[in-house]
PDB file of N, CA and C in Angstrom:
ATOM      1  N   UNK A   1      -1.423  26.290 -18.937  1.00  0.00           N
ATOM      2  CA  UNK A   1      -1.440  25.992 -20.352  1.00  0.00           C
ATOM      3  C   UNK A   1      -0.836  27.182 -21.087  1.00  0.00           C
ATOM      4  N   UNK A   2       0.118  26.912 -21.919  1.00  0.00           N
ATOM      5  CA  UNK A   2       0.664  27.958 -22.769  1.00  0.00           C
ATOM      6  C   UNK A   2      -0.066  27.917 -24.103  1.00  0.00           C
ATOM      7  N   UNK A   3      -0.442  29.072 -24.564  1.00  0.00           N
ATOM      8  CA  UNK A   3      -1.093  29.206 -25.862  1.00  0.00           C
ATOM      9  C   UNK A   3      -0.239  30.142 -26.703  1.00  0.00           C
ATOM     10  N   UNK A   4       0.251  29.623 -27.813  1.00  0.00           N
ATOM     11  CA  UNK A   4       1.054  30.427 -28.726  1.00  0.00           C
ATOM     12  C   UNK A   4       0.262  30.628 -30.004  1.00  0.00           C
ATOM     13  N   UNK A   5      -0.070  31.872 -30.264  1.00  0.00           N
ATOM     14  CA  UNK A   5      -0.800  32.223 -31.481  1.00  0.00           C
ATOM     15  C   UNK A   5       0.129  33.025 -32.383  1.00  0.00           C
ATOM     16  N   UNK A   6      -0.291  33.228 -33.596  1.00  0.00           N
ATOM     17  CA  UNK A   6       0.528  33.979 -34.534  1.00  0.00           C
ATOM     18  C   UNK A   6       0.789  35.408 -34.066  1.00  0.00           C
ATOM     19  N   UNK A   7      -0.109  35.938 -33.247  1.00  0.00           N
ATOM     20  CA  UNK A   7       0.038  37.332 -32.828  1.00  0.00           C
ATOM     21  C   UNK A   7      -0.135  37.551 -31.324  1.00  0.00           C
ATOM     22  N   UNK A   8      -0.113  36.485 -30.530  1.00  0.00           N
ATOM     23  CA  UNK A   8      -0.285  36.633 -29.084  1.00  0.00           C
ATOM     24  C   UNK A   8       0.206  35.375 -28.368  1.00  0.00           C
ATOM     25  N   UNK A   9       0.647  35.565 -27.126  1.00  0.00           N
ATOM     26  CA  UNK A   9       1.091  34.457 -26.284  1.00  0.00           C
ATOM     27  C   UNK A   9       0.426  34.590 -24.915  1.00  0.00           C
ATOM     28  N   UNK A  10      -0.051  33.460 -24.379  1.00  0.00           N
ATOM     29  CA  UNK A  10      -0.712  33.449 -23.071  1.00  0.00           C
ATOM     30  C   UNK A  10      -0.263  32.283 -22.220  1.00  0.00           C
ATOM     31  N   UNK A  11      -0.402  32.478 -20.927  1.00  0.00           N
ATOM     32  CA  UNK A  11      -0.355  31.389 -19.967  1.00  0.00           C
ATOM     33  C   UNK A  11      -1.718  31.419 -19.288  1.00  0.00           C
ATOM     34  N   UNK A  12      -2.413  30.310 -19.332  1.00  0.00           N
ATOM     35  CA  UNK A  12      -3.757  30.244 -18.759  1.00  0.00           C
ATOM     36  C   UNK A  12      -3.737  29.249 -17.609  1.00  0.00           C
ATOM     37  N   UNK A  13      -4.148  29.732 -16.429  1.00  0.00           N
ATOM     38  CA  UNK A  13      -4.102  28.913 -15.221  1.00  0.00           C
ATOM     39  C   UNK A  13      -5.357  29.125 -14.382  1.00  0.00           C
ATOM     40  N   UNK A  14      -5.559  28.220 -13.445  1.00  0.00           N
ATOM     41  CA  UNK A  14      -6.616  28.376 -12.452  1.00  0.00           C
ATOM     42  C   UNK A  14      -5.908  28.828 -11.174  1.00  0.00           C
ATOM     43  N   UNK A  15      -5.892  30.136 -10.979  1.00  0.00           N
ATOM     44  CA  UNK A  15      -5.144  30.705  -9.860  1.00  0.00           C
ATOM     45  C   UNK A  15      -5.697  32.096  -9.566  1.00  0.00           C
ATOM     46  N   UNK A  16      -5.913  32.390  -8.304  1.00  0.00           N
ATOM     47  CA  UNK A  16      -6.360  33.727  -7.896  1.00  0.00           C
ATOM     48  C   UNK A  16      -7.611  34.191  -8.631  1.00  0.00           C
ATOM     49  N   UNK A  17      -8.536  33.269  -8.870  1.00  0.00           N
ATOM     50  CA  UNK A  17      -9.765  33.627  -9.570  1.00  0.00           C
ATOM     51  C   UNK A  17     -10.920  32.781  -9.037  1.00  0.00           C
ATOM     52  N   UNK A  18     -12.126  33.114  -9.471  1.00  0.00           N
ATOM     53  CA  UNK A  18     -13.309  32.390  -9.028  1.00  0.00           C
ATOM     54  C   UNK A  18     -13.383  30.991  -9.616  1.00  0.00           C
ATOM     55  N   UNK A  19     -14.292  30.173  -9.114  1.00  0.00           N
ATOM     56  CA  UNK A  19     -14.392  28.773  -9.564  1.00  0.00           C
ATOM     57  C   UNK A  19     -14.771  28.619 -11.039  1.00  0.00           C
ATOM     58  N   UNK A  20     -15.441  29.613 -11.606  1.00  0.00           N
ATOM     59  CA  UNK A  20     -15.830  29.543 -13.017  1.00  0.00           C
ATOM     60  C   UNK A  20     -14.964  30.434 -13.895  1.00  0.00           C
ATOM     61  N   UNK A  21     -13.787  30.808 -13.378  1.00  0.00           N
ATOM     62  CA  UNK A  21     -12.896  31.704 -14.110  1.00  0.00           C
ATOM     63  C   UNK A  21     -11.523  31.054 -14.307  1.00  0.00           C
ATOM     64  N   UNK A  22     -10.797  31.612 -15.243  1.00  0.00           N
ATOM     65  CA  UNK A  22      -9.397  31.274 -15.435  1.00  0.00           C
ATOM     66  C   UNK A  22      -8.606  32.579 -15.446  1.00  0.00           C
ATOM     67  N   UNK A  23      -7.361  32.486 -15.050  1.00  0.00           N
ATOM     68  CA  UNK A  23      -6.484  33.644 -15.087  1.00  0.00           C
ATOM     69  C   UNK A  23      -5.676  33.562 -16.380  1.00  0.00           C
ATOM     70  N   UNK A  24      -5.910  34.533 -17.255  1.00  0.00           N
ATOM     71  CA  UNK A  24      -5.189  34.607 -18.525  1.00  0.00           C
ATOM     72  C   UNK A  24      -4.063  35.604 -18.325  1.00  0.00           C
ATOM     73  N   UNK A  25      -2.831  35.139 -18.551  1.00  0.00           N
ATOM     74  CA  UNK A  25      -1.661  35.982 -18.291  1.00  0.00           C
ATOM     75  C   UNK A  25      -0.891  36.187 -19.595  1.00  0.00           C
ATOM     76  N   UNK A  26      -0.311  37.368 -19.734  1.00  0.00           N
ATOM     77  CA  UNK A  26       0.441  37.694 -20.946  1.00  0.00           C
ATOM     78  C   UNK A  26       1.700  38.464 -20.585  1.00  0.00           C
ATOM     79  N   UNK A  27       2.652  38.420 -21.460  1.00  0.00           N
ATOM     80  CA  UNK A  27       3.904  39.145 -21.271  1.00  0.00           C
ATOM     81  C   UNK A  27       3.895  40.499 -21.979  1.00  0.00           C
ATOM     82  N   UNK A  28       3.076  40.614 -23.031  1.00  0.00           N
ATOM     83  CA  UNK A  28       3.088  41.828 -23.845  1.00  0.00           C
ATOM     84  C   UNK A  28       1.779  42.597 -23.706  1.00  0.00           C
ATOM     85  N   UNK A  29       1.870  43.929 -23.707  1.00  0.00           N
ATOM     86  CA  UNK A  29       0.647  44.721 -23.617  1.00  0.00           C
ATOM     87  C   UNK A  29      -0.221  44.510 -24.854  1.00  0.00           C
ATOM     88  N   UNK A  30      -1.522  44.424 -24.643  1.00  0.00           N
ATOM     89  CA  UNK A  30      -2.462  44.322 -25.750  1.00  0.00           C
ATOM     90  C   UNK A  30      -2.790  42.922 -26.209  1.00  0.00           C
ATOM     91  N   UNK A  31      -2.003  41.918 -25.836  1.00  0.00           N
ATOM     92  CA  UNK A  31      -2.282  40.550 -26.296  1.00  0.00           C
ATOM     93  C   UNK A  31      -3.626  40.045 -25.787  1.00  0.00           C
ATOM     94  N   UNK A  32      -3.910  40.269 -24.526  1.00  0.00           N
ATOM     95  CA  UNK A  32      -5.178  39.774 -23.959  1.00  0.00           C
ATOM     96  C   UNK A  32      -6.354  40.463 -24.637  1.00  0.00           C
ATOM     97  N   UNK A  33      -6.292  41.788 -24.755  1.00  0.00           N
ATOM     98  CA  UNK A  33      -7.391  42.540 -25.371  1.00  0.00           C
ATOM     99  C   UNK A  33      -7.579  42.165 -26.840  1.00  0.00           C
ATOM    100  N   UNK A  34      -6.465  41.921 -27.542  1.00  0.00           N
ATOM    101  CA  UNK A  34      -6.521  41.573 -28.962  1.00  0.00           C
ATOM    102  C   UNK A  34      -7.339  40.305 -29.186  1.00  0.00           C
ATOM    103  N   UNK A  35      -7.189  39.345 -28.297  1.00  0.00           N
ATOM    104  CA  UNK A  35      -7.842  38.052 -28.489  1.00  0.00           C
ATOM    105  C   UNK A  35      -9.171  37.953 -27.744  1.00  0.00           C
ATOM    106  N   UNK A  36      -9.218  38.497 -26.539  1.00  0.00           N
ATOM    107  CA  UNK A  36     -10.426  38.351 -25.719  1.00  0.00           C
ATOM    108  C   UNK A  36     -11.337  39.574 -25.753  1.00  0.00           C
ATOM    109  N   UNK A  37     -10.906  40.649 -26.363  1.00  0.00           N
ATOM    110  CA  UNK A  37     -11.749  41.832 -26.511  1.00  0.00           C
ATOM    111  C   UNK A  37     -11.398  42.937 -25.537  1.00  0.00           C
ATOM    112  N   UNK A  38     -11.792  44.123 -25.903  1.00  0.00           N
ATOM    113  CA  UNK A  38     -11.495  45.317 -25.103  1.00  0.00           C
ATOM    114  C   UNK A  38     -12.305  45.364 -23.809  1.00  0.00           C
ATOM    115  N   UNK A  39     -13.373  44.589 -23.725  1.00  0.00           N
ATOM    116  CA  UNK A  39     -14.211  44.600 -22.521  1.00  0.00           C
ATOM    117  C   UNK A  39     -13.525  43.946 -21.317  1.00  0.00           C
ATOM    118  N   UNK A  40     -12.472  43.176 -21.576  1.00  0.00           N
ATOM    119  CA  UNK A  40     -11.776  42.455 -20.510  1.00  0.00           C
ATOM    120  C   UNK A  40     -10.939  43.439 -19.694  1.00  0.00           C
ATOM    121  N   UNK A  41     -11.037  43.328 -18.389  1.00  0.00           N
ATOM    122  CA  UNK A  41     -10.251  44.187 -17.505  1.00  0.00           C
ATOM    123  C   UNK A  41      -8.880  43.558 -17.275  1.00  0.00           C
ATOM    124  N   UNK A  42      -7.868  44.183 -17.853  1.00  0.00           N
ATOM    125  CA  UNK A  42      -6.506  43.679 -17.747  1.00  0.00           C
ATOM    126  C   UNK A  42      -5.783  44.477 -16.664  1.00  0.00           C
ATOM    127  N   UNK A  43      -5.165  43.750 -15.748  1.00  0.00           N
ATOM    128  CA  UNK A  43      -4.403  44.382 -14.674  1.00  0.00           C
ATOM    129  C   UNK A  43      -2.914  44.182 -14.925  1.00  0.00           C
ATOM    130  N   UNK A  44      -2.124  45.093 -14.373  1.00  0.00           N
ATOM    131  CA  UNK A  44      -0.663  44.949 -14.388  1.00  0.00           C
ATOM    132  C   UNK A  44      -0.233  44.585 -12.978  1.00  0.00           C
ATOM    133  N   UNK A  45       0.591  43.555 -12.877  1.00  0.00           N
ATOM    134  CA  UNK A  45       1.111  43.146 -11.576  1.00  0.00           C
ATOM    135  C   UNK A  45       2.627  43.069 -11.681  1.00  0.00           C
ATOM    136  N   UNK A  46       3.279  44.123 -11.204  1.00  0.00           N
ATOM    137  CA  UNK A  46       4.728  44.212 -11.311  1.00  0.00           C
ATOM    138  C   UNK A  46       5.452  43.238 -10.383  1.00  0.00           C
ATOM    139  N   UNK A  47       4.726  42.637  -9.461  1.00  0.00           N
ATOM    140  CA  UNK A  47       5.359  41.690  -8.535  1.00  0.00           C
ATOM    141  C   UNK A  47       5.195  40.236  -8.987  1.00  0.00           C
ATOM    142  N   UNK A  48       4.569  40.029 -10.142  1.00  0.00           N
ATOM    143  CA  UNK A  48       4.288  38.669 -10.619  1.00  0.00           C
ATOM    144  C   UNK A  48       5.165  38.328 -11.828  1.00  0.00           C
ATOM    145  N   UNK A  49       5.183  37.053 -12.179  1.00  0.00           N
ATOM    146  CA  UNK A  49       5.998  36.624 -13.310  1.00  0.00           C
ATOM    147  C   UNK A  49       5.432  37.088 -14.649  1.00  0.00           C
ATOM    148  N   UNK A  50       4.118  37.178 -14.775  1.00  0.00           N
ATOM    149  CA  UNK A  50       3.486  37.716 -15.978  1.00  0.00           C
ATOM    150  C   UNK A  50       2.933  39.089 -15.635  1.00  0.00           C
ATOM    151  N   UNK A  51       3.345  40.103 -16.366  1.00  0.00           N
ATOM    152  CA  UNK A  51       2.962  41.474 -16.056  1.00  0.00           C
ATOM    153  C   UNK A  51       1.473  41.740 -16.258  1.00  0.00           C
ATOM    154  N   UNK A  52       0.899  41.168 -17.325  1.00  0.00           N
ATOM    155  CA  UNK A  52      -0.499  41.432 -17.666  1.00  0.00           C
ATOM    156  C   UNK A  52      -1.358  40.218 -17.335  1.00  0.00           C
ATOM    157  N   UNK A  53      -2.523  40.475 -16.734  1.00  0.00           N
ATOM    158  CA  UNK A  53      -3.393  39.368 -16.329  1.00  0.00           C
ATOM    159  C   UNK A  53      -4.848  39.798 -16.296  1.00  0.00           C
ATOM    160  N   UNK A  54      -5.717  38.836 -16.568  1.00  0.00           N
ATOM    161  CA  UNK A  54      -7.157  39.093 -16.558  1.00  0.00           C
ATOM    162  C   UNK A  54      -7.891  37.839 -16.118  1.00  0.00           C
ATOM    163  N   UNK A  55      -8.889  38.040 -15.270  1.00  0.00           N
ATOM    164  CA  UNK A  55      -9.764  36.936 -14.874  1.00  0.00           C
ATOM    165  C   UNK A  55     -10.895  36.882 -15.891  1.00  0.00           C
ATOM    166  N   UNK A  56     -11.019  35.729 -16.548  1.00  0.00           N
ATOM    167  CA  UNK A  56     -12.000  35.577 -17.621  1.00  0.00           C
ATOM    168  C   UNK A  56     -12.794  34.308 -17.377  1.00  0.00           C
ATOM    169  N   UNK A  57     -14.090  34.383 -17.638  1.00  0.00           N
ATOM    170  CA  UNK A  57     -14.948  33.210 -17.465  1.00  0.00           C
ATOM    171  C   UNK A  57     -14.388  32.036 -18.262  1.00  0.00           C
ATOM    172  N   UNK A  58     -14.360  30.887 -17.610  1.00  0.00           N
ATOM    173  CA  UNK A  58     -13.851  29.666 -18.247  1.00  0.00           C
ATOM    174  C   UNK A  58     -14.559  29.407 -19.571  1.00  0.00           C
ATOM    175  N   UNK A  59     -15.861  29.613 -19.606  1.00  0.00           N
ATOM    176  CA  UNK A  59     -16.629  29.382 -20.831  1.00  0.00           C
ATOM    177  C   UNK A  59     -16.202  30.339 -21.944  1.00  0.00           C
ATOM    178  N   UNK A  60     -15.875  31.585 -21.601  1.00  0.00           N
ATOM    179  CA  UNK A  60     -15.415  32.550 -22.610  1.00  0.00           C
ATOM    180  C   UNK A  60     -14.039  32.167 -23.139  1.00  0.00           C
ATOM    181  N   UNK A  61     -13.157  31.721 -22.258  1.00  0.00           N
ATOM    182  CA  UNK A  61     -11.826  31.280 -22.696  1.00  0.00           C
ATOM    183  C   UNK A  61     -11.983  30.125 -23.680  1.00  0.00           C
ATOM    184  N   UNK A  62     -12.824  29.164 -23.354  1.00  0.00           N
ATOM    185  CA  UNK A  62     -13.034  28.010 -24.234  1.00  0.00           C
ATOM    186  C   UNK A  62     -13.614  28.441 -25.582  1.00  0.00           C
ATOM    187  N   UNK A  63     -14.563  29.347 -25.552  1.00  0.00           N
ATOM    188  CA  UNK A  63     -15.202  29.828 -26.783  1.00  0.00           C
ATOM    189  C   UNK A  63     -14.196  30.564 -27.674  1.00  0.00           C
ATOM    190  N   UNK A  64     -13.393  31.421 -27.076  1.00  0.00           N
ATOM    191  CA  UNK A  64     -12.402  32.174 -27.839  1.00  0.00           C
ATOM    192  C   UNK A  64     -11.340  31.242 -28.416  1.00  0.00           C
ATOM    193  N   UNK A  65     -10.869  30.281 -27.634  1.00  0.00           N
ATOM    194  CA  UNK A  65      -9.849  29.357 -28.140  1.00  0.00           C
ATOM    195  C   UNK A  65     -10.403  28.491 -29.271  1.00  0.00           C
ATOM    196  N   UNK A  66     -11.653  28.084 -29.152  1.00  0.00           N
ATOM    197  CA  UNK A  66     -12.271  27.315 -30.239  1.00  0.00           C
ATOM    198  C   UNK A  66     -12.329  28.159 -31.510  1.00  0.00           C
ATOM    199  N   UNK A  67     -12.670  29.410 -31.369  1.00  0.00           N
ATOM    200  CA  UNK A  67     -12.720  30.318 -32.510  1.00  0.00           C
ATOM    201  C   UNK A  67     -11.334  30.488 -33.134  1.00  0.00           C
ATOM    202  N   UNK A  68     -10.324  30.587 -32.299  1.00  0.00           N
ATOM    203  CA  UNK A  68      -8.953  30.723 -32.802  1.00  0.00           C
ATOM    204  C   UNK A  68      -8.516  29.478 -33.572  1.00  0.00           C
ATOM    205  N   UNK A  69      -8.915  28.306 -33.104  1.00  0.00           N
ATOM    206  CA  UNK A  69      -8.586  27.068 -33.815  1.00  0.00           C
ATOM    207  C   UNK A  69      -9.204  27.096 -35.210  1.00  0.00           C
ATOM    208  N   UNK A  70     -10.414  27.604 -35.320  1.00  0.00           N
ATOM    209  CA  UNK A  70     -11.078  27.686 -36.620  1.00  0.00           C
ATOM    210  C   UNK A  70     -10.371  28.641 -37.575  1.00  0.00           C
ATOM    211  N   UNK A  71      -9.572  29.564 -37.045  1.00  0.00           N
ATOM    212  CA  UNK A  71      -8.855  30.526 -37.894  1.00  0.00           C
ATOM    213  C   UNK A  71      -7.526  29.990 -38.432  1.00  0.00           C
ATOM    214  N   UNK A  72      -7.105  28.819 -38.010  1.00  0.00           N
ATOM    215  CA  UNK A  72      -5.817  28.288 -38.466  1.00  0.00           C
ATOM    216  C   UNK A  72      -5.906  27.970 -39.955  1.00  0.00           C
ATOM    217  N   UNK A  73      -5.067  28.664 -40.737  1.00  0.00           N
ATOM    218  CA  UNK A  73      -5.050  28.467 -42.191  1.00  0.00           C
ATOM    219  C   UNK A  73      -3.624  28.457 -42.729  1.00  0.00           C
ATOM    220  N   UNK A  74      -2.669  28.132 -41.900  1.00  0.00           N
ATOM    221  CA  UNK A  74      -1.277  28.164 -42.328  1.00  0.00           C
ATOM    222  C   UNK A  74      -0.692  26.763 -42.289  1.00  0.00           C
ATOM    223  N   UNK A  75       0.258  26.479 -43.201  1.00  0.00           N
ATOM    224  CA  UNK A  75       0.910  25.169 -43.202  1.00  0.00           C
ATOM    225  C   UNK A  75       2.095  25.095 -42.243  1.00  0.00           C
ATOM    226  N   UNK A  76       2.585  26.265 -41.796  1.00  0.00           N
ATOM    227  CA  UNK A  76       3.732  26.301 -40.888  1.00  0.00           C
ATOM    228  C   UNK A  76       3.502  27.419 -39.885  1.00  0.00           C
ATOM    229  N   UNK A  77       3.356  27.064 -38.613  1.00  0.00           N
ATOM    230  CA  UNK A  77       3.039  28.053 -37.587  1.00  0.00           C
ATOM    231  C   UNK A  77       4.092  29.153 -37.494  1.00  0.00           C
ATOM    232  N   UNK A  78       5.361  28.780 -37.406  1.00  0.00           N
ATOM    233  CA  UNK A  78       6.409  29.794 -37.234  1.00  0.00           C
ATOM    234  C   UNK A  78       6.387  30.814 -38.368  1.00  0.00           C
ATOM    235  N   UNK A  79       6.108  30.373 -39.580  1.00  0.00           N
ATOM    236  CA  UNK A  79       6.047  31.297 -40.711  1.00  0.00           C
ATOM    237  C   UNK A  79       4.847  32.243 -40.634  1.00  0.00           C
ATOM    238  N   UNK A  80       3.859  31.917 -39.823  1.00  0.00           N
ATOM    239  CA  UNK A  80       2.667  32.774 -39.696  1.00  0.00           C
ATOM    240  C   UNK A  80       2.883  33.926 -38.719  1.00  0.00           C
ATOM    241  N   UNK A  81       3.985  33.898 -37.985  1.00  0.00           N
ATOM    242  CA  UNK A  81       4.250  34.921 -36.964  1.00  0.00           C
ATOM    243  C   UNK A  81       5.010  36.068 -37.623  1.00  0.00           C
ATOM    244  N   UNK A  82       4.369  37.224 -37.739  1.00  0.00           N
ATOM    245  CA  UNK A  82       4.952  38.379 -38.432  1.00  0.00           C
ATOM    246  C   UNK A  82       5.818  39.237 -37.507  1.00  0.00           C
ATOM    247  N   UNK A  83       5.484  39.291 -36.223  1.00  0.00           N
ATOM    248  CA  UNK A  83       6.225  40.104 -35.268  1.00  0.00           C
ATOM    249  C   UNK A  83       7.574  39.432 -34.998  1.00  0.00           C
ATOM    250  N   UNK A  84       8.676  40.116 -35.331  1.00  0.00           N
ATOM    251  CA  UNK A  84      10.007  39.507 -35.223  1.00  0.00           C
ATOM    252  C   UNK A  84      10.341  39.087 -33.801  1.00  0.00           C
ATOM    253  N   UNK A  85      10.041  39.934 -32.831  1.00  0.00           N
ATOM    254  CA  UNK A  85      10.360  39.603 -31.440  1.00  0.00           C
ATOM    255  C   UNK A  85       9.602  38.356 -30.988  1.00  0.00           C
ATOM    256  N   UNK A  86       8.326  38.278 -31.337  1.00  0.00           N
ATOM    257  CA  UNK A  86       7.523  37.110 -30.978  1.00  0.00           C
ATOM    258  C   UNK A  86       8.018  35.872 -31.734  1.00  0.00           C
ATOM    259  N   UNK A  87       8.321  36.026 -33.016  1.00  0.00           N
ATOM    260  CA  UNK A  87       8.836  34.917 -33.817  1.00  0.00           C
ATOM    261  C   UNK A  87      10.124  34.355 -33.206  1.00  0.00           C
ATOM    262  N   UNK A  88      11.029  35.257 -32.838  1.00  0.00           N
ATOM    263  CA  UNK A  88      12.295  34.820 -32.263  1.00  0.00           C
ATOM    264  C   UNK A  88      12.093  34.090 -30.929  1.00  0.00           C
ATOM    265  N   UNK A  89      11.150  34.575 -30.132  1.00  0.00           N
ATOM    266  CA  UNK A  89      10.842  33.904 -28.867  1.00  0.00           C
ATOM    267  C   UNK A  89      10.298  32.503 -29.134  1.00  0.00           C
ATOM    268  N   UNK A  90       9.395  32.379 -30.101  1.00  0.00           N
ATOM    269  CA  UNK A  90       8.839  31.067 -30.439  1.00  0.00           C
ATOM    270  C   UNK A  90       9.918  30.131 -30.980  1.00  0.00           C
ATOM    271  N   UNK A  91      10.858  30.671 -31.744  1.00  0.00           N
ATOM    272  CA  UNK A  91      11.951  29.826 -32.244  1.00  0.00           C
ATOM    273  C   UNK A  91      12.776  29.271 -31.082  1.00  0.00           C
ATOM    274  N   UNK A  92      12.953  30.087 -30.046  1.00  0.00           N
ATOM    275  CA  UNK A  92      13.658  29.607 -28.860  1.00  0.00           C
ATOM    276  C   UNK A  92      12.914  28.461 -28.200  1.00  0.00           C
ATOM    277  N   UNK A  93      11.593  28.590 -28.110  1.00  0.00           N
ATOM    278  CA  UNK A  93      10.779  27.511 -27.529  1.00  0.00           C
ATOM    279  C   UNK A  93      10.846  26.276 -28.423  1.00  0.00           C
ATOM    280  N   UNK A  94      10.737  26.474 -29.746  1.00  0.00           N
ATOM    281  CA  UNK A  94      10.812  25.345 -30.681  1.00  0.00           C
ATOM    282  C   UNK A  94      12.128  24.599 -30.494  1.00  0.00           C
ATOM    283  N   UNK A  95      13.216  25.352 -30.394  1.00  0.00           N
ATOM    284  CA  UNK A  95      14.541  24.750 -30.248  1.00  0.00           C
ATOM    285  C   UNK A  95      14.643  23.943 -28.957  1.00  0.00           C
ATOM    286  N   UNK A  96      14.176  24.507 -27.868  1.00  0.00           N
ATOM    287  CA  UNK A  96      14.234  23.799 -26.583  1.00  0.00           C
ATOM    288  C   UNK A  96      13.340  22.566 -26.588  1.00  0.00           C
ATOM    289  N   UNK A  97      12.148  22.671 -27.157  1.00  0.00           N
ATOM    290  CA  UNK A  97      11.248  21.514 -27.205  1.00  0.00           C
ATOM    291  C   UNK A  97      11.789  20.431 -28.132  1.00  0.00           C
ATOM    292  N   UNK A  98      12.526  20.830 -29.167  1.00  0.00           N
ATOM    293  CA  UNK A  98      13.132  19.844 -30.064  1.00  0.00           C
ATOM    294  C   UNK A  98      14.128  18.969 -29.308  1.00  0.00           C
ATOM    295  N   UNK A  99      14.716  19.522 -28.260  1.00  0.00           N
ATOM    296  CA  UNK A  99      15.689  18.758 -27.465  1.00  0.00           C
ATOM    297  C   UNK A  99      15.050  17.598 -26.701  1.00  0.00           C
ATOM    298  N   UNK A 100      13.743  17.664 -26.451  1.00  0.00           N
ATOM    299  CA  UNK A 100      13.093  16.584 -25.708  1.00  0.00           C
ATOM    300  C   UNK A 100      12.524  15.509 -26.644  1.00  0.00           C
ATOM    301  N   UNK A 101      12.651  15.710 -27.944  1.00  0.00           N
ATOM    302  CA  UNK A 101      12.173  14.734 -28.921  1.00  0.00           C
ATOM    303  C   UNK A 101      13.318  13.812 -29.312  1.00  0.00           C
ATOM    304  N   UNK A 102      13.097  12.511 -29.164  1.00  0.00           N
ATOM    305  CA  UNK A 102      14.123  11.536 -29.513  1.00  0.00           C
ATOM    306  C   UNK A 102      13.543  10.512 -30.471  1.00  0.00           C
ATOM    307  N   UNK A 103      14.041  10.390 -31.683  1.00  0.00           N
ATOM    308  CA  UNK A 103      15.117  11.173 -32.263  1.00  0.00           C
ATOM    309  C   UNK A 103      14.649  12.595 -32.579  1.00  0.00           C
ATOM    310  N   UNK A 104      15.596  13.487 -32.749  1.00  0.00           N
ATOM    311  CA  UNK A 104      15.312  14.894 -32.970  1.00  0.00           C
ATOM    312  C   UNK A 104      14.670  15.172 -34.316  1.00  0.00           C
ATOM    313  N   UNK A 105      14.195  16.397 -34.480  1.00  0.00           N
ATOM    314  CA  UNK A 105      13.593  16.788 -35.761  1.00  0.00           C
ATOM    315  C   UNK A 105      14.576  16.593 -36.909  1.00  0.00           C
ATOM    316  N   UNK A 106      14.043  16.186 -38.024  1.00  0.00           N
ATOM    317  CA  UNK A 106      14.815  16.013 -39.255  1.00  0.00           C
ATOM    318  C   UNK A 106      15.938  14.999 -39.104  1.00  0.00           C
ATOM    319  N   UNK A 107      15.730  13.989 -38.277  1.00  0.00           N
ATOM    320  CA  UNK A 107      16.766  12.983 -38.072  1.00  0.00           C
ATOM    321  C   UNK A 107      16.768  11.928 -39.177  1.00  0.00           C
ATOM    322  N   UNK A 108      15.749  11.935 -39.997  1.00  0.00           N
ATOM    323  CA  UNK A 108      15.649  10.982 -41.089  1.00  0.00           C
ATOM    324  C   UNK A 108      15.369  11.761 -42.371  1.00  0.00           C
ATOM    325  N   UNK A 109      15.963  11.370 -43.476  1.00  0.00           N
ATOM    326  CA  UNK A 109      15.699  12.093 -44.730  1.00  0.00           C
ATOM    327  C   UNK A 109      14.215  12.074 -45.078  1.00  0.00           C
ATOM    328  N   UNK A 110      13.755  13.185 -45.616  1.00  0.00           N
ATOM    329  CA  UNK A 110      12.355  13.264 -46.033  1.00  0.00           C
ATOM    330  C   UNK A 110      12.135  12.459 -47.297  1.00  0.00           C
ATOM    331  N   UNK A 111      10.923  11.919 -47.381  1.00  0.00           N
ATOM    332  CA  UNK A 111      10.545  11.211 -48.609  1.00  0.00           C
ATOM    333  C   UNK A 111      10.138  12.249 -49.637  1.00  0.00           C
ATOM    334  N   UNK A 112      10.492  12.007 -50.874  1.00  0.00           N
ATOM    335  CA  UNK A 112      10.037  12.902 -51.934  1.00  0.00           C
ATOM    336  C   UNK A 112       8.786  12.311 -52.573  1.00  0.00           C
ATOM    337  N   UNK A 113       8.298  12.912 -53.609  1.00  0.00           N
ATOM    338  CA  UNK A 113       7.033  12.496 -54.213  1.00  0.00           C
ATOM    339  C   UNK A 113       7.090  11.161 -54.947  1.00  0.00           C
ATOM    340  N   UNK A 114       8.268  10.592 -55.128  1.00  0.00           N
ATOM    341  CA  UNK A 114       8.346   9.304 -55.820  1.00  0.00           C
ATOM    342  C   UNK A 114       8.553   8.146 -54.831  1.00  0.00           C
ATOM    343  N   UNK A 115       7.919   8.250 -53.684  1.00  0.00           N
ATOM    344  CA  UNK A 115       7.964   7.161 -52.714  1.00  0.00           C
ATOM    345  C   UNK A 115       9.255   7.054 -51.932  1.00  0.00           C
ATOM    346  N   UNK A 116      10.028   8.131 -51.898  1.00  0.00           N
ATOM    347  CA  UNK A 116      11.256   8.117 -51.128  1.00  0.00           C
ATOM    348  C   UNK A 116      12.469   7.685 -51.927  1.00  0.00           C
ATOM    349  N   UNK A 117      12.271   7.342 -53.183  1.00  0.00           N
ATOM    350  CA  UNK A 117      13.396   6.925 -54.032  1.00  0.00           C
ATOM    351  C   UNK A 117      14.032   8.161 -54.639  1.00  0.00           C
ATOM    352  N   UNK A 118      15.344   8.203 -54.627  1.00  0.00           N
ATOM    353  CA  UNK A 118      16.045   9.320 -55.254  1.00  0.00           C
ATOM    354  C   UNK A 118      16.011   9.158 -56.766  1.00  0.00           C
ATOM    355  N   UNK A 119      15.867  10.287 -57.436  1.00  0.00           N
ATOM    356  CA  UNK A 119      15.895  10.252 -58.884  1.00  0.00           C
ATOM    357  C   UNK A 119      17.330  10.018 -59.344  1.00  0.00           C
ATOM    358  N   UNK A 120      17.437   9.208 -60.350  1.00  0.00           N
ATOM    359  CA  UNK A 120      18.762   8.958 -60.900  1.00  0.00           C
ATOM    360  C   UNK A 120      19.160  10.086 -61.820  1.00  0.00           C
ATOM    361  N   UNK A 121      20.432  10.468 -61.763  1.00  0.00           N
ATOM    362  CA  UNK A 121      20.936  11.514 -62.648  1.00  0.00           C
ATOM    363  C   UNK A 121      21.201  10.899 -64.008  1.00  0.00           C
ATOM    364  N   UNK A 122      20.889  11.630 -65.038  1.00  0.00           N
ATOM    365  CA  UNK A 122      21.121  11.146 -66.406  1.00  0.00           C
ATOM    366  C   UNK A 122      22.363  11.754 -66.971  1.00  0.00           C
TER     367      UNK A 122
END
């Protein structure tokens, strides 16, 4: 599962961990600690696809993600991402995912507040 937050990105899988744990993986230093707390033991694995990883209790992952959902207060996710490098990476994902949507984003004119009717020019 990929989790994209305004200030962190994770891949969460059931791999190389106990039956009641999940492996939370990150690409950037500090993302795991920022969201799951400093108490989490984060390892670096230079031979793996994700450099940073932590085994976290499944129940804690669920609790933290539920808390993060409660913090959503933005009308546009991409605009909530302040870190330019992270924003640009998310835009790349948005662009690629838009390719699998048929018809594509913005393929139909948006309706305006008058029921979709264009205002006549005077």
